[in-house]
Amino acid sequence: MFRYLLLGSGLAFAAAVQPGPLQAYLLAQVAARGWKHTLPASFAPLLSDGPIAALALLVLGRLSGLMQQSLRAAGGLLLLFLAWTAYRQWKRPAQASALDRTAVPRTLLEATFVNLLNPNPYLGWTLILGPTAVMAWRQGPGLAATFIAAFYVTMVITLAALIFVFGSARFLGSRFQRALLLISAIALAGIAVSQLATSLPRIVTALPF
């Protein structure tokens, strides 16, 4: 059991601290809304990974290359929209700091969609988490449950810690906060362009005409 506990925790920590669409989105939201209002977004993997795991284990491996790249392109478009939103908040800092009652649920919902369109969880479940969970299940359902629980508990805790660390920058003043917001917008746009640059040529190549 300790082996799967350690394996699940280690994989989750590595996945959470690596730069990616979800991390860039969290940075943008911390800069715009503060760490307290962004903290619920750390639970996004719990909402998104259920469908991701099911798709990865049952469907994703059977999809054509065109469908896989279309999903990646859709994620790139969503990230471009989020980058534009962060840029607009940077241009109007007064509005960026004005929080409303819908800020928290909107942040959690957006983070869930970012993770749904992020190719990393699909690849992780297809190549790493899925096979390990199956192997653990064959040794005992409790081991599989331990592995999955360790992964998601560690993931949520690590993301929450990152959000808090990102948020500590707010104490350095409004000028630094605006710079952080601009950096996050650039990061979101950069990841989006990278995903689109990779997926669109492959989509064109895979088209039957």
Protein backbone atom coordinates (compact mmCIF):
# COMPACT_ATOMS: atom_id res chain seq x y z
CA MET A 1 0.00 0.00 0.00
CA PHE A 2 2.82 2.39 0.85
CA ARG A 3 4.21 1.92 -2.65
CA TYR A 4 0.98 3.10 -4.29
CA LEU A 5 0.57 5.89 -1.75
CA LEU A 6 4.05 7.17 -2.56
CA LEU A 7 3.59 6.68 -6.30
CA GLY A 8 0.28 8.53 -6.41
CA SER A 9 1.61 11.42 -4.33
CA GLY A 10 4.79 11.71 -6.38
CA LEU A 11 2.98 11.72 -9.72
CA ALA A 12 0.50 14.33 -8.51
CA PHE A 13 3.19 16.65 -7.17
CA ALA A 14 5.16 16.43 -10.42
CA ALA A 15 2.05 17.12 -12.50
CA ALA A 16 0.94 20.07 -10.35
CA VAL A 17 4.24 21.97 -10.33
CA GLN A 18 4.96 21.61 -14.05
CA PRO A 19 4.00 24.68 -16.13
CA GLY A 20 0.87 24.09 -18.16
CA PRO A 21 -2.50 25.56 -19.15
CA LEU A 22 -4.09 25.06 -15.72
CA GLN A 23 -1.13 26.59 -13.85
CA ALA A 24 -1.04 29.59 -16.20
CA TYR A 25 -4.78 30.06 -15.75
CA LEU A 26 -4.47 29.95 -11.96
CA LEU A 27 -1.72 32.58 -12.10
CA ALA A 28 -3.96 34.83 -14.19
CA GLN A 29 -6.86 34.46 -11.77
CA VAL A 30 -4.72 35.10 -8.68
CA ALA A 31 -3.43 38.30 -10.25
CA ALA A 32 -6.95 39.42 -11.21
CA ARG A 33 -9.03 38.25 -8.23
CA GLY A 34 -6.68 37.32 -5.39
CA TRP A 35 -5.68 33.96 -3.95
CA LYS A 36 -8.71 33.57 -1.69
CA HIS A 37 -11.17 33.80 -4.60
CA THR A 38 -8.97 31.56 -6.77
CA LEU A 39 -8.47 28.86 -4.11
CA PRO A 40 -11.62 26.86 -5.07
CA ALA A 41 -10.06 26.34 -8.51
CA SER A 42 -7.59 23.92 -6.90
CA PHE A 43 -10.48 21.42 -6.85
CA ALA A 44 -10.86 21.59 -10.65
CA PRO A 45 -9.06 18.25 -11.25
CA LEU A 46 -11.65 16.51 -9.05
CA LEU A 47 -14.43 17.78 -11.31
CA SER A 48 -12.72 17.32 -14.66
CA ASP A 49 -10.71 14.12 -14.29
CA GLY A 50 -13.68 11.79 -13.86
CA PRO A 51 -14.79 12.27 -17.47
CA ILE A 52 -11.15 12.46 -18.54
CA ALA A 53 -10.34 9.11 -16.94
CA ALA A 54 -13.39 7.47 -18.51
CA LEU A 55 -12.58 8.87 -21.95
CA ALA A 56 -8.92 7.99 -21.70
CA LEU A 57 -9.55 4.43 -20.62
CA LEU A 58 -12.52 3.63 -22.86
CA VAL A 59 -12.51 5.99 -25.83
CA LEU A 60 -9.43 8.14 -26.35
CA GLY A 61 -7.20 5.31 -27.48
CA ARG A 62 -9.66 4.56 -30.30
CA LEU A 63 -9.97 8.12 -31.60
CA SER A 64 -8.41 9.10 -34.88
CA GLY A 65 -5.47 11.46 -35.00
CA LEU A 66 -7.77 14.13 -36.44
CA MET A 67 -10.08 14.01 -33.44
CA GLN A 68 -7.19 14.13 -30.98
CA GLN A 69 -5.70 17.19 -32.66
CA SER A 70 -9.12 18.85 -32.86
CA LEU A 71 -9.42 18.54 -29.08
CA ARG A 72 -5.98 20.10 -28.67
CA ALA A 73 -6.96 22.97 -31.00
CA ALA A 74 -10.15 23.58 -29.00
CA GLY A 75 -8.03 23.89 -25.85
CA GLY A 76 -5.80 26.40 -27.62
CA LEU A 77 -8.78 28.55 -28.58
CA LEU A 78 -10.07 28.52 -25.00
CA LEU A 79 -6.66 29.59 -23.72
CA LEU A 80 -6.56 32.44 -26.23
CA PHE A 81 -9.90 33.66 -24.88
CA LEU A 82 -8.62 33.47 -21.30
CA ALA A 83 -5.43 35.32 -22.31
CA TRP A 84 -7.52 38.08 -23.89
CA THR A 85 -9.62 38.32 -20.73
CA ALA A 86 -6.48 38.64 -18.58
CA TYR A 87 -5.10 41.32 -20.92
CA ARG A 88 -8.32 43.33 -20.67
CA GLN A 89 -8.14 43.10 -16.88
CA TRP A 90 -4.55 44.35 -17.06
CA LYS A 91 -5.70 47.34 -19.13
CA ARG A 92 -8.41 48.14 -16.58
CA PRO A 93 -6.96 47.30 -13.15
CA ALA A 94 -9.84 48.92 -11.29
CA GLN A 95 -12.25 46.46 -12.86
CA ALA A 96 -9.85 43.59 -12.35
CA SER A 97 -10.00 44.11 -8.59
CA ALA A 98 -13.77 44.47 -8.46
CA LEU A 99 -15.06 41.08 -7.33
CA ASP A 100 -18.64 40.01 -7.50
CA ARG A 101 -20.59 37.16 -5.98
CA THR A 102 -20.14 34.96 -9.05
CA ALA A 103 -16.35 35.19 -9.07
CA VAL A 104 -15.68 32.00 -7.12
CA PRO A 105 -18.00 29.60 -8.98
CA ARG A 106 -16.98 31.14 -12.32
CA THR A 107 -13.31 30.61 -11.49
CA LEU A 108 -13.90 26.96 -10.55
CA LEU A 109 -15.99 26.35 -13.67
CA GLU A 110 -13.44 27.97 -15.96
CA ALA A 111 -10.59 26.01 -14.36
CA THR A 112 -12.57 22.80 -14.86
CA PHE A 113 -13.02 23.55 -18.57
CA VAL A 114 -9.35 24.45 -18.92
CA ASN A 115 -8.43 21.06 -17.50
CA LEU A 116 -10.99 19.27 -19.68
CA LEU A 117 -9.36 20.76 -22.79
CA ASN A 118 -5.83 20.30 -21.50
CA PRO A 119 -4.16 17.33 -23.26
CA ASN A 120 -1.90 16.55 -20.28
CA PRO A 121 -4.53 14.76 -18.12
CA TYR A 122 -5.61 12.68 -21.12
CA LEU A 123 -2.03 11.64 -21.80
CA GLY A 124 -1.42 11.03 -18.10
CA TRP A 125 -4.46 8.80 -17.73
CA THR A 126 -3.76 6.94 -20.97
CA LEU A 127 -0.05 6.33 -20.45
CA ILE A 128 0.60 6.47 -16.68
CA LEU A 129 -2.36 6.69 -14.30
CA GLY A 130 -4.62 4.27 -16.15
CA PRO A 131 -2.16 1.37 -16.44
CA THR A 132 -1.00 1.85 -12.84
CA ALA A 133 -4.57 1.92 -11.53
CA VAL A 134 -5.41 -1.27 -13.44
CA MET A 135 -2.30 -2.99 -12.09
CA ALA A 136 -3.19 -1.92 -8.54
CA TRP A 137 -6.79 -3.10 -8.98
CA ARG A 138 -5.61 -6.56 -9.99
CA GLN A 139 -3.67 -6.75 -6.73
CA GLY A 140 -6.63 -5.48 -4.72
CA PRO A 141 -9.34 -2.78 -5.08
CA GLY A 142 -8.05 -1.10 -1.91
CA LEU A 143 -4.64 -0.53 -3.50
CA ALA A 144 -6.23 1.10 -6.55
CA ALA A 145 -8.32 3.34 -4.29
CA THR A 146 -5.22 4.27 -2.29
CA PHE A 147 -3.31 5.18 -5.45
CA ILE A 148 -6.10 7.35 -6.87
CA ALA A 149 -6.85 9.02 -3.52
CA ALA A 150 -3.18 9.81 -2.93
CA PHE A 151 -2.92 11.32 -6.40
CA TYR A 152 -5.88 13.68 -6.09
CA VAL A 153 -5.36 14.68 -2.46
CA THR A 154 -1.77 15.64 -3.28
CA MET A 155 -2.85 17.39 -6.48
CA VAL A 156 -5.41 19.58 -4.69
CA ILE A 157 -3.03 20.42 -1.83
CA THR A 158 -0.19 21.29 -4.20
CA LEU A 159 -2.37 23.47 -6.42
CA ALA A 160 -3.75 25.26 -3.33
CA ALA A 161 -0.20 25.89 -2.14
CA LEU A 162 0.77 27.28 -5.56
CA ILE A 163 -2.26 29.59 -5.52
CA PHE A 164 -1.25 30.89 -2.10
CA VAL A 165 2.35 31.44 -3.24
CA PHE A 166 1.14 33.26 -6.36
CA GLY A 167 -1.16 35.36 -4.18
CA SER A 168 1.61 36.44 -1.82
CA ALA A 169 2.87 38.67 -4.63
CA ARG A 170 -0.17 40.89 -4.09
CA PHE A 171 1.48 42.27 -0.96
CA LEU A 172 4.22 43.78 -3.13
CA GLY A 173 1.90 46.45 -4.45
CA SER A 174 -0.52 47.16 -7.29
CA ARG A 175 2.24 47.74 -9.86
CA PHE A 176 3.63 44.26 -9.29
CA GLN A 177 0.11 42.85 -9.39
CA ARG A 178 -0.48 44.41 -12.81
CA ALA A 179 2.87 43.08 -14.04
CA LEU A 180 1.92 39.63 -12.78
CA LEU A 181 -1.39 39.86 -14.63
CA LEU A 182 0.36 40.82 -17.86
CA ILE A 183 2.87 37.98 -17.48
CA SER A 184 0.05 35.52 -16.95
CA ALA A 185 -1.76 36.79 -20.06
CA ILE A 186 1.43 36.31 -22.08
CA ALA A 187 1.88 32.83 -20.63
CA LEU A 188 -1.69 31.82 -21.50
CA ALA A 189 -1.31 33.19 -25.01
CA GLY A 190 2.05 31.46 -25.48
CA ILE A 191 0.67 28.07 -24.46
CA ALA A 192 -2.37 28.61 -26.70
CA VAL A 193 -0.23 29.49 -29.72
CA SER A 194 1.97 26.48 -29.06
CA GLN A 195 -1.03 24.14 -28.95
CA LEU A 196 -2.57 25.64 -32.09
CA ALA A 197 0.73 25.62 -33.96
CA THR A 198 1.09 21.93 -33.21
CA SER A 199 -2.49 20.84 -33.83
CA LEU A 200 -3.68 22.89 -36.81
CA PRO A 201 -1.06 21.64 -39.34
CA ARG A 202 -1.81 18.08 -38.28
CA ILE A 203 -5.55 18.69 -38.66
CA VAL A 204 -5.03 20.04 -42.17
CA THR A 205 -2.81 17.09 -43.06
CA ALA A 206 -5.35 14.60 -41.71
CA LEU A 207 -8.31 16.08 -43.59
CA PRO A 208 -9.56 13.75 -46.34
CA PHE A 209 -9.61 16.47 -49.00
